[in-house]
Amino acid sequence: MIPLAGSGHTHFARDLFESAFPDEERPPFDELSKRDSSRFHFLLLLSGDDPVGILTYWDFEDFVYVEHFAIDEEMRDQGFGKAAFLNFLSDQHKQVLFEVELPHDEESEHRVEFYSSMGLCQNPQDYIQPSYRDPQRLVIPMLIMSKYELDDDAFDEMRDTLYREVYRRNL
């Protein structure tokens, strides 16, 4: 994994980012460069010299939040995603969490199983992902998965940090 900046693969990253996530689940690509670079990171996943995926994350004081993770459709089911994600997890020495679509169809069930197979926890607390496009709406019920199970207080604190720092919502 390498930082996207200076990689020469911005076009690949933009195409994958925009095709892998619906509008309401991602900010406009051009806004990513305006984020706090001390906390926000955009990584490119490579196989040799070829890009195969992307991973964006925020590094907060007490936890790491994986915002987006995607493997190019032509490269899926070849082990790149699992290897990259396990490598990323092993490099993190604090709680890691991310939002996953609630399991409601085969694809979303497969996604939850994929992360669970790497030992990640499904947290029982209700969570709503704010819309990136319409600040007046809280639109998407999601599951929070994490490296370690979250108690209610830790969940609330991390959720509030995400709402404030990532989604720019006043609480």
N, C-alpha and C. Protein backbone atom coordinates (compact mmCIF):
# COMPACT_ATOMS: atom_id res chain seq x y z
N MET A 1 0.84 -1.17 0.00
CA MET A 1 0.00 0.00 0.00
C MET A 1 0.89 1.24 0.00
N ILE A 2 0.52 2.18 -0.85
CA ILE A 2 1.27 3.43 -0.93
C ILE A 2 0.28 4.59 -0.92
N PRO A 3 0.73 5.77 -0.49
CA PRO A 3 -0.16 6.94 -0.58
C PRO A 3 -0.54 7.21 -2.03
N LEU A 4 -1.78 7.61 -2.25
CA LEU A 4 -2.23 7.94 -3.60
C LEU A 4 -1.46 9.12 -4.16
N ALA A 5 -1.22 10.14 -3.34
CA ALA A 5 -0.53 11.34 -3.81
C ALA A 5 0.82 10.98 -4.41
N GLY A 6 1.06 11.43 -5.62
CA GLY A 6 2.32 11.19 -6.28
C GLY A 6 2.47 9.82 -6.91
N SER A 7 1.43 8.99 -6.85
CA SER A 7 1.53 7.62 -7.37
C SER A 7 1.34 7.54 -8.88
N GLY A 8 0.71 8.56 -9.46
CA GLY A 8 0.39 8.51 -10.89
C GLY A 8 -0.85 7.70 -11.20
N HIS A 9 -1.60 7.30 -10.17
CA HIS A 9 -2.79 6.47 -10.37
C HIS A 9 -4.08 7.14 -9.90
N THR A 10 -4.11 8.46 -9.94
CA THR A 10 -5.30 9.18 -9.49
C THR A 10 -6.53 8.81 -10.30
N HIS A 11 -6.38 8.64 -11.61
CA HIS A 11 -7.52 8.30 -12.47
C HIS A 11 -8.12 6.95 -12.05
N PHE A 12 -7.26 5.95 -11.82
CA PHE A 12 -7.73 4.64 -11.35
C PHE A 12 -8.48 4.80 -10.03
N ALA A 13 -7.88 5.53 -9.09
CA ALA A 13 -8.49 5.70 -7.76
C ALA A 13 -9.84 6.40 -7.86
N ARG A 14 -9.93 7.45 -8.66
CA ARG A 14 -11.20 8.16 -8.82
C ARG A 14 -12.26 7.23 -9.41
N ASP A 15 -11.91 6.51 -10.47
CA ASP A 15 -12.88 5.62 -11.11
C ASP A 15 -13.38 4.55 -10.14
N LEU A 16 -12.48 3.94 -9.39
CA LEU A 16 -12.88 2.90 -8.45
C LEU A 16 -13.70 3.49 -7.31
N PHE A 17 -13.26 4.61 -6.78
CA PHE A 17 -13.97 5.28 -5.68
C PHE A 17 -15.40 5.61 -6.10
N GLU A 18 -15.57 6.16 -7.29
CA GLU A 18 -16.89 6.58 -7.74
C GLU A 18 -17.77 5.41 -8.19
N SER A 19 -17.18 4.32 -8.64
CA SER A 19 -17.99 3.18 -9.07
C SER A 19 -18.32 2.23 -7.91
N ALA A 20 -17.48 2.19 -6.90
CA ALA A 20 -17.67 1.23 -5.80
C ALA A 20 -18.64 1.73 -4.73
N PHE A 21 -18.85 3.04 -4.66
CA PHE A 21 -19.69 3.61 -3.59
C PHE A 21 -20.73 4.55 -4.18
N PRO A 22 -22.00 4.38 -3.77
CA PRO A 22 -23.03 5.31 -4.24
C PRO A 22 -22.76 6.73 -3.73
N ASP A 23 -23.32 7.71 -4.40
CA ASP A 23 -23.09 9.12 -4.05
C ASP A 23 -23.29 9.41 -2.57
N GLU A 24 -24.37 8.88 -1.99
CA GLU A 24 -24.66 9.21 -0.59
C GLU A 24 -23.68 8.56 0.39
N GLU A 25 -22.87 7.60 -0.09
CA GLU A 25 -21.90 6.93 0.79
C GLU A 25 -20.47 7.39 0.56
N ARG A 26 -20.31 8.50 -0.17
CA ARG A 26 -18.96 9.02 -0.40
C ARG A 26 -19.01 10.52 -0.65
N PRO A 27 -17.97 11.22 -0.25
CA PRO A 27 -17.89 12.64 -0.59
C PRO A 27 -17.44 12.77 -2.05
N PRO A 28 -17.61 13.94 -2.64
CA PRO A 28 -17.06 14.14 -3.98
C PRO A 28 -15.54 13.92 -3.95
N PHE A 29 -15.02 13.24 -4.94
CA PHE A 29 -13.60 12.88 -4.98
C PHE A 29 -12.70 14.11 -4.82
N ASP A 30 -13.04 15.20 -5.47
CA ASP A 30 -12.21 16.40 -5.43
C ASP A 30 -12.13 17.02 -4.03
N GLU A 31 -13.08 16.71 -3.18
CA GLU A 31 -13.06 17.25 -1.81
C GLU A 31 -12.08 16.51 -0.90
N LEU A 32 -11.65 15.32 -1.31
CA LEU A 32 -10.76 14.53 -0.46
C LEU A 32 -9.43 15.24 -0.22
N SER A 33 -8.95 15.97 -1.21
CA SER A 33 -7.66 16.66 -1.06
C SER A 33 -7.74 17.83 -0.08
N LYS A 34 -8.95 18.25 0.29
CA LYS A 34 -9.14 19.37 1.22
C LYS A 34 -9.20 18.91 2.67
N ARG A 35 -9.15 17.61 2.89
CA ARG A 35 -9.26 17.08 4.25
C ARG A 35 -7.95 17.26 5.03
N ASP A 36 -8.06 17.20 6.34
CA ASP A 36 -6.92 17.33 7.24
C ASP A 36 -5.92 16.21 6.97
N SER A 37 -4.81 16.56 6.34
CA SER A 37 -3.85 15.53 5.91
C SER A 37 -3.11 14.88 7.08
N SER A 38 -3.19 15.46 8.26
CA SER A 38 -2.54 14.81 9.40
C SER A 38 -3.38 13.65 9.91
N ARG A 39 -4.67 13.63 9.56
CA ARG A 39 -5.56 12.56 10.02
C ARG A 39 -6.07 11.68 8.89
N PHE A 40 -6.34 12.26 7.73
CA PHE A 40 -6.94 11.52 6.62
C PHE A 40 -5.86 10.99 5.69
N HIS A 41 -6.02 9.72 5.28
CA HIS A 41 -5.04 9.08 4.41
C HIS A 41 -5.77 8.33 3.29
N PHE A 42 -5.25 8.45 2.09
CA PHE A 42 -5.80 7.76 0.92
C PHE A 42 -4.69 6.86 0.38
N LEU A 43 -4.87 5.55 0.50
CA LEU A 43 -3.86 4.59 0.07
C LEU A 43 -4.30 3.88 -1.20
N LEU A 44 -3.32 3.55 -1.99
CA LEU A 44 -3.51 2.77 -3.20
C LEU A 44 -2.96 1.38 -2.93
N LEU A 45 -3.73 0.35 -3.26
CA LEU A 45 -3.30 -1.03 -3.09
C LEU A 45 -2.74 -1.51 -4.41
N LEU A 46 -1.54 -2.09 -4.36
CA LEU A 46 -0.85 -2.51 -5.57
C LEU A 46 -0.61 -4.01 -5.59
N SER A 47 -0.58 -4.55 -6.80
CA SER A 47 -0.08 -5.89 -7.06
C SER A 47 1.09 -5.69 -8.02
N GLY A 48 2.29 -5.81 -7.50
CA GLY A 48 3.45 -5.39 -8.29
C GLY A 48 3.37 -3.88 -8.45
N ASP A 49 3.37 -3.42 -9.70
CA ASP A 49 3.23 -1.98 -9.96
C ASP A 49 1.82 -1.60 -10.36
N ASP A 50 0.91 -2.58 -10.40
CA ASP A 50 -0.44 -2.33 -10.88
C ASP A 50 -1.40 -2.04 -9.73
N PRO A 51 -2.20 -0.98 -9.85
CA PRO A 51 -3.19 -0.69 -8.81
C PRO A 51 -4.33 -1.70 -8.85
N VAL A 52 -4.74 -2.17 -7.66
CA VAL A 52 -5.85 -3.13 -7.58
C VAL A 52 -6.95 -2.66 -6.63
N GLY A 53 -6.67 -1.65 -5.80
CA GLY A 53 -7.68 -1.20 -4.85
C GLY A 53 -7.31 0.09 -4.17
N ILE A 54 -8.23 0.52 -3.31
CA ILE A 54 -8.05 1.75 -2.54
C ILE A 54 -8.48 1.52 -1.09
N LEU A 55 -7.90 2.28 -0.20
CA LEU A 55 -8.29 2.27 1.20
C LEU A 55 -8.12 3.70 1.72
N THR A 56 -9.20 4.26 2.26
CA THR A 56 -9.11 5.57 2.90
C THR A 56 -9.38 5.39 4.38
N TYR A 57 -8.63 6.13 5.19
CA TYR A 57 -8.85 6.01 6.63
C TYR A 57 -8.48 7.32 7.33
N TRP A 58 -9.03 7.44 8.54
CA TRP A 58 -8.75 8.55 9.43
C TRP A 58 -8.02 7.99 10.66
N ASP A 59 -6.97 8.67 11.07
CA ASP A 59 -6.21 8.25 12.24
C ASP A 59 -6.49 9.24 13.37
N PHE A 60 -7.38 8.84 14.27
CA PHE A 60 -7.73 9.67 15.42
C PHE A 60 -6.89 9.24 16.63
N GLU A 61 -6.97 10.00 17.70
CA GLU A 61 -6.14 9.73 18.87
C GLU A 61 -6.37 8.33 19.44
N ASP A 62 -7.64 7.90 19.54
CA ASP A 62 -7.94 6.63 20.19
C ASP A 62 -8.34 5.51 19.25
N PHE A 63 -8.53 5.81 17.98
CA PHE A 63 -8.95 4.78 17.04
C PHE A 63 -8.66 5.18 15.61
N VAL A 64 -8.70 4.18 14.74
CA VAL A 64 -8.56 4.38 13.30
C VAL A 64 -9.90 4.04 12.67
N TYR A 65 -10.36 4.91 11.79
CA TYR A 65 -11.63 4.71 11.11
C TYR A 65 -11.37 4.46 9.62
N VAL A 66 -11.70 3.27 9.15
CA VAL A 66 -11.59 2.96 7.72
C VAL A 66 -12.85 3.49 7.06
N GLU A 67 -12.68 4.49 6.21
CA GLU A 67 -13.84 5.13 5.59
C GLU A 67 -14.27 4.41 4.31
N HIS A 68 -13.31 4.06 3.47
CA HIS A 68 -13.63 3.37 2.22
C HIS A 68 -12.56 2.32 1.93
N PHE A 69 -13.02 1.16 1.46
CA PHE A 69 -12.12 0.08 1.07
C PHE A 69 -12.75 -0.60 -0.13
N ALA A 70 -12.02 -0.68 -1.23
CA ALA A 70 -12.57 -1.30 -2.44
C ALA A 70 -11.44 -1.92 -3.26
N ILE A 71 -11.77 -3.04 -3.86
CA ILE A 71 -10.88 -3.73 -4.79
C ILE A 71 -11.52 -3.64 -6.17
N ASP A 72 -10.70 -3.40 -7.18
CA ASP A 72 -11.18 -3.34 -8.55
C ASP A 72 -11.97 -4.62 -8.86
N GLU A 73 -13.12 -4.44 -9.49
CA GLU A 73 -14.02 -5.57 -9.74
C GLU A 73 -13.33 -6.73 -10.46
N GLU A 74 -12.44 -6.43 -11.38
CA GLU A 74 -11.74 -7.49 -12.13
C GLU A 74 -10.72 -8.24 -11.27
N MET A 75 -10.37 -7.68 -10.12
CA MET A 75 -9.35 -8.29 -9.27
C MET A 75 -9.92 -8.94 -8.02
N ARG A 76 -11.23 -8.91 -7.87
CA ARG A 76 -11.86 -9.49 -6.68
C ARG A 76 -11.76 -11.01 -6.68
N ASP A 77 -11.90 -11.58 -5.50
CA ASP A 77 -11.86 -13.03 -5.29
C ASP A 77 -10.52 -13.65 -5.65
N GLN A 78 -9.46 -12.85 -5.56
CA GLN A 78 -8.11 -13.36 -5.79
C GLN A 78 -7.23 -13.21 -4.54
N GLY A 79 -7.85 -12.79 -3.44
CA GLY A 79 -7.12 -12.68 -2.18
C GLY A 79 -6.48 -11.33 -1.91
N PHE A 80 -6.56 -10.40 -2.88
CA PHE A 80 -5.93 -9.09 -2.67
C PHE A 80 -6.57 -8.33 -1.50
N GLY A 81 -7.89 -8.34 -1.46
CA GLY A 81 -8.60 -7.59 -0.42
C GLY A 81 -8.28 -8.10 0.97
N LYS A 82 -8.37 -9.40 1.14
CA LYS A 82 -8.10 -9.98 2.46
C LYS A 82 -6.66 -9.73 2.89
N ALA A 83 -5.72 -9.96 1.99
CA ALA A 83 -4.31 -9.75 2.33
C ALA A 83 -4.05 -8.28 2.68
N ALA A 84 -4.60 -7.38 1.90
CA ALA A 84 -4.38 -5.95 2.15
C ALA A 84 -5.01 -5.52 3.47
N PHE A 85 -6.23 -5.99 3.72
CA PHE A 85 -6.91 -5.56 4.94
C PHE A 85 -6.24 -6.14 6.18
N LEU A 86 -5.83 -7.41 6.12
CA LEU A 86 -5.12 -8.01 7.26
C LEU A 86 -3.79 -7.30 7.51
N ASN A 87 -3.10 -6.93 6.44
CA ASN A 87 -1.86 -6.19 6.57
C ASN A 87 -2.11 -4.83 7.23
N PHE A 88 -3.16 -4.16 6.78
CA PHE A 88 -3.52 -2.87 7.36
C PHE A 88 -3.84 -3.03 8.85
N LEU A 89 -4.66 -4.03 9.18
CA LEU A 89 -5.03 -4.26 10.59
C LEU A 89 -3.80 -4.53 11.46
N SER A 90 -2.88 -5.33 10.94
CA SER A 90 -1.70 -5.68 11.75
C SER A 90 -0.81 -4.46 12.02
N ASP A 91 -0.90 -3.45 11.17
CA ASP A 91 -0.11 -2.23 11.37
C ASP A 91 -0.75 -1.26 12.37
N GLN A 92 -2.00 -1.51 12.75
CA GLN A 92 -2.72 -0.60 13.63
C GLN A 92 -2.62 -1.09 15.07
N HIS A 93 -2.22 -0.22 15.96
CA HIS A 93 -2.04 -0.59 17.36
C HIS A 93 -3.10 0.03 18.26
N LYS A 94 -4.22 0.34 17.67
CA LYS A 94 -5.36 0.83 18.43
C LYS A 94 -6.63 0.31 17.78
N GLN A 95 -7.74 0.63 18.35
CA GLN A 95 -9.03 0.17 17.82
C GLN A 95 -9.18 0.60 16.35
N VAL A 96 -9.72 -0.29 15.55
CA VAL A 96 -10.04 0.00 14.15
C VAL A 96 -11.53 -0.23 13.98
N LEU A 97 -12.21 0.73 13.37
CA LEU A 97 -13.63 0.52 13.11
C LEU A 97 -14.00 1.03 11.74
N PHE A 98 -15.12 0.52 11.25
CA PHE A 98 -15.63 0.93 9.95
C PHE A 98 -17.10 0.60 9.85
N GLU A 99 -17.74 1.25 8.90
CA GLU A 99 -19.17 1.06 8.65
C GLU A 99 -19.34 0.02 7.55
N VAL A 100 -20.31 -0.85 7.75
CA VAL A 100 -20.63 -1.87 6.75
C VAL A 100 -22.14 -1.85 6.57
N GLU A 101 -22.55 -1.95 5.33
CA GLU A 101 -23.98 -2.01 5.04
C GLU A 101 -24.62 -3.17 5.82
N LEU A 102 -25.78 -2.92 6.41
CA LEU A 102 -26.48 -3.99 7.11
C LEU A 102 -26.75 -5.14 6.14
N PRO A 103 -26.59 -6.39 6.59
CA PRO A 103 -26.82 -7.52 5.68
C PRO A 103 -28.30 -7.63 5.31
N HIS A 104 -28.58 -7.39 4.02
CA HIS A 104 -29.97 -7.45 3.55
C HIS A 104 -30.09 -8.18 2.21
N ASP A 105 -28.95 -8.51 1.60
CA ASP A 105 -28.95 -9.27 0.36
C ASP A 105 -27.65 -10.07 0.31
N GLU A 106 -27.48 -10.85 -0.74
CA GLU A 106 -26.31 -11.74 -0.82
C GLU A 106 -24.99 -10.97 -0.78
N GLU A 107 -24.92 -9.86 -1.51
CA GLU A 107 -23.68 -9.09 -1.55
C GLU A 107 -23.33 -8.49 -0.19
N SER A 108 -24.32 -7.90 0.48
CA SER A 108 -24.05 -7.29 1.79
C SER A 108 -23.75 -8.36 2.84
N GLU A 109 -24.40 -9.52 2.75
CA GLU A 109 -24.09 -10.63 3.67
C GLU A 109 -22.66 -11.12 3.45
N HIS A 110 -22.25 -11.21 2.19
CA HIS A 110 -20.89 -11.64 1.86
C HIS A 110 -19.87 -10.66 2.44
N ARG A 111 -20.17 -9.37 2.36
CA ARG A 111 -19.26 -8.35 2.87
C ARG A 111 -19.07 -8.49 4.38
N VAL A 112 -20.17 -8.68 5.11
CA VAL A 112 -20.07 -8.85 6.57
C VAL A 112 -19.29 -10.13 6.89
N GLU A 113 -19.56 -11.21 6.16
CA GLU A 113 -18.83 -12.47 6.36
C GLU A 113 -17.34 -12.29 6.07
N PHE A 114 -17.01 -11.52 5.04
CA PHE A 114 -15.62 -11.25 4.68
C PHE A 114 -14.88 -10.63 5.86
N TYR A 115 -15.44 -9.59 6.44
CA TYR A 115 -14.79 -8.93 7.57
C TYR A 115 -14.81 -9.80 8.83
N SER A 116 -15.89 -10.52 9.05
CA SER A 116 -15.97 -11.42 10.21
C SER A 116 -14.91 -12.52 10.11
N SER A 117 -14.63 -12.99 8.90
CA SER A 117 -13.64 -14.05 8.72
C SER A 117 -12.23 -13.61 9.12
N MET A 118 -12.02 -12.31 9.23
CA MET A 118 -10.72 -11.79 9.65
C MET A 118 -10.72 -11.48 11.15
N GLY A 119 -11.76 -11.94 11.86
CA GLY A 119 -11.82 -11.77 13.29
C GLY A 119 -12.42 -10.47 13.77
N LEU A 120 -13.05 -9.73 12.87
CA LEU A 120 -13.64 -8.45 13.27
C LEU A 120 -15.01 -8.65 13.90
N CYS A 121 -15.35 -7.77 14.82
CA CYS A 121 -16.58 -7.86 15.61
C CYS A 121 -17.70 -7.05 14.98
N GLN A 122 -18.91 -7.59 15.07
CA GLN A 122 -20.11 -6.84 14.73
C GLN A 122 -20.64 -6.24 16.02
N ASN A 123 -20.72 -4.93 16.06
CA ASN A 123 -21.21 -4.27 17.27
C ASN A 123 -22.72 -4.16 17.23
N PRO A 124 -23.39 -4.37 18.38
CA PRO A 124 -24.85 -4.43 18.39
C PRO A 124 -25.55 -3.07 18.39
N GLN A 125 -24.81 -1.99 18.63
CA GLN A 125 -25.45 -0.67 18.73
C GLN A 125 -25.99 -0.22 17.36
N ASP A 126 -27.11 0.48 17.41
CA ASP A 126 -27.68 1.06 16.19
C ASP A 126 -26.80 2.22 15.73
N TYR A 127 -26.63 2.31 14.42
CA TYR A 127 -25.79 3.37 13.85
C TYR A 127 -26.40 3.83 12.54
N ILE A 128 -26.40 5.14 12.35
CA ILE A 128 -26.88 5.73 11.10
C ILE A 128 -25.73 6.51 10.48
N GLN A 129 -25.40 6.20 9.23
CA GLN A 129 -24.37 6.96 8.52
C GLN A 129 -25.00 8.23 7.96
N PRO A 130 -24.45 9.39 8.31
CA PRO A 130 -24.97 10.62 7.71
C PRO A 130 -24.68 10.64 6.20
N SER A 131 -25.52 11.32 5.48
CA SER A 131 -25.31 11.48 4.05
C SER A 131 -24.15 12.44 3.81
N TYR A 132 -23.30 12.12 2.87
CA TYR A 132 -22.23 13.03 2.48
C TYR A 132 -22.78 14.21 1.67
N ARG A 133 -23.92 14.01 1.04
CA ARG A 133 -24.43 15.01 0.09
C ARG A 133 -25.47 15.95 0.67
N ASP A 134 -26.26 15.48 1.62
CA ASP A 134 -27.35 16.30 2.17
C ASP A 134 -27.22 16.32 3.69
N PRO A 135 -26.66 17.41 4.24
CA PRO A 135 -26.42 17.45 5.68
C PRO A 135 -27.67 17.39 6.55
N GLN A 136 -28.83 17.57 5.97
CA GLN A 136 -30.07 17.52 6.75
C GLN A 136 -30.57 16.09 6.96
N ARG A 137 -29.96 15.14 6.26
CA ARG A 137 -30.47 13.77 6.32
C ARG A 137 -29.49 12.82 7.00
N LEU A 138 -30.02 11.94 7.82
CA LEU A 138 -29.29 10.78 8.32
C LEU A 138 -29.95 9.61 7.62
N VAL A 139 -29.31 9.08 6.62
CA VAL A 139 -30.05 8.23 5.70
C VAL A 139 -29.76 6.75 5.71
N ILE A 140 -28.61 6.34 6.15
CA ILE A 140 -28.22 4.96 5.88
C ILE A 140 -27.95 4.19 7.17
N PRO A 141 -28.84 3.26 7.55
CA PRO A 141 -28.52 2.41 8.71
C PRO A 141 -27.34 1.51 8.35
N MET A 142 -26.36 1.46 9.22
CA MET A 142 -25.16 0.67 8.98
C MET A 142 -24.82 -0.15 10.21
N LEU A 143 -23.93 -1.08 10.01
CA LEU A 143 -23.36 -1.89 11.07
C LEU A 143 -21.95 -1.36 11.32
N ILE A 144 -21.60 -1.18 12.57
CA ILE A 144 -20.22 -0.82 12.89
C ILE A 144 -19.48 -2.11 13.24
N MET A 145 -18.40 -2.35 12.51
CA MET A 145 -17.54 -3.49 12.80
C MET A 145 -16.23 -2.93 13.32
N SER A 146 -15.56 -3.72 14.17
CA SER A 146 -14.34 -3.21 14.79
C SER A 146 -13.40 -4.35 15.16
N LYS A 147 -12.18 -3.96 15.44
CA LYS A 147 -11.14 -4.90 15.84
C LYS A 147 -11.50 -5.56 17.18
N TYR A 148 -12.02 -4.75 18.09
CA TYR A 148 -12.47 -5.22 19.40
C TYR A 148 -13.88 -4.72 19.62
N GLU A 149 -14.69 -5.51 20.32
CA GLU A 149 -16.07 -5.09 20.57
C GLU A 149 -16.10 -3.79 21.37
N LEU A 150 -17.04 -2.93 21.02
CA LEU A 150 -17.18 -1.63 21.68
C LEU A 150 -18.27 -1.67 22.74
N ASP A 151 -17.98 -1.15 23.93
CA ASP A 151 -19.06 -0.97 24.90
C ASP A 151 -19.83 0.29 24.50
N ASP A 152 -20.95 0.53 25.14
CA ASP A 152 -21.81 1.65 24.73
C ASP A 152 -21.11 3.00 24.82
N ASP A 153 -20.34 3.22 25.87
CA ASP A 153 -19.67 4.52 26.02
C ASP A 153 -18.63 4.73 24.92
N ALA A 154 -17.82 3.72 24.64
CA ALA A 154 -16.81 3.83 23.58
C ALA A 154 -17.48 4.02 22.22
N PHE A 155 -18.56 3.27 21.99
CA PHE A 155 -19.30 3.41 20.74
C PHE A 155 -19.79 4.84 20.57
N ASP A 156 -20.43 5.38 21.62
CA ASP A 156 -20.97 6.75 21.54
C ASP A 156 -19.87 7.77 21.27
N GLU A 157 -18.74 7.61 21.94
CA GLU A 157 -17.63 8.55 21.76
C GLU A 157 -17.08 8.49 20.33
N MET A 158 -16.90 7.28 19.82
CA MET A 158 -16.37 7.13 18.46
C MET A 158 -17.38 7.61 17.42
N ARG A 159 -18.65 7.29 17.62
CA ARG A 159 -19.69 7.77 16.71
C ARG A 159 -19.70 9.30 16.67
N ASP A 160 -19.63 9.92 17.83
CA ASP A 160 -19.64 11.39 17.89
C ASP A 160 -18.43 11.98 17.18
N THR A 161 -17.27 11.34 17.31
CA THR A 161 -16.07 11.80 16.60
C THR A 161 -16.28 11.70 15.10
N LEU A 162 -16.84 10.59 14.62
CA LEU A 162 -17.09 10.43 13.19
C LEU A 162 -18.05 11.50 12.69
N TYR A 163 -19.15 11.69 13.39
CA TYR A 163 -20.13 12.69 12.97
C TYR A 163 -19.50 14.08 12.89
N ARG A 164 -18.68 14.41 13.87
CA ARG A 164 -18.09 15.75 13.95
C ARG A 164 -16.94 15.92 12.94
N GLU A 165 -16.02 14.97 12.89
CA GLU A 165 -14.80 15.12 12.10
C GLU A 165 -14.92 14.68 10.65
N VAL A 166 -15.60 13.56 10.42
CA VAL A 166 -15.70 13.01 9.06
C VAL A 166 -16.88 13.61 8.31
N TYR A 167 -18.04 13.62 8.97
CA TYR A 167 -19.27 14.07 8.30
C TYR A 167 -19.59 15.54 8.53
N ARG A 168 -18.81 16.19 9.40
CA ARG A 168 -18.98 17.62 9.68
C ARG A 168 -20.38 17.97 10.16
N ARG A 169 -20.87 17.16 11.09
CA ARG A 169 -22.19 17.40 11.67
C ARG A 169 -22.03 17.94 13.08
N ASN A 170 -22.77 18.96 13.42
CA ASN A 170 -22.79 19.47 14.79
C ASN A 170 -23.70 18.58 15.61
N LEU A 171 -23.24 18.21 16.77
CA LEU A 171 -24.03 17.32 17.63
C LEU A 171 -24.84 18.10 18.63
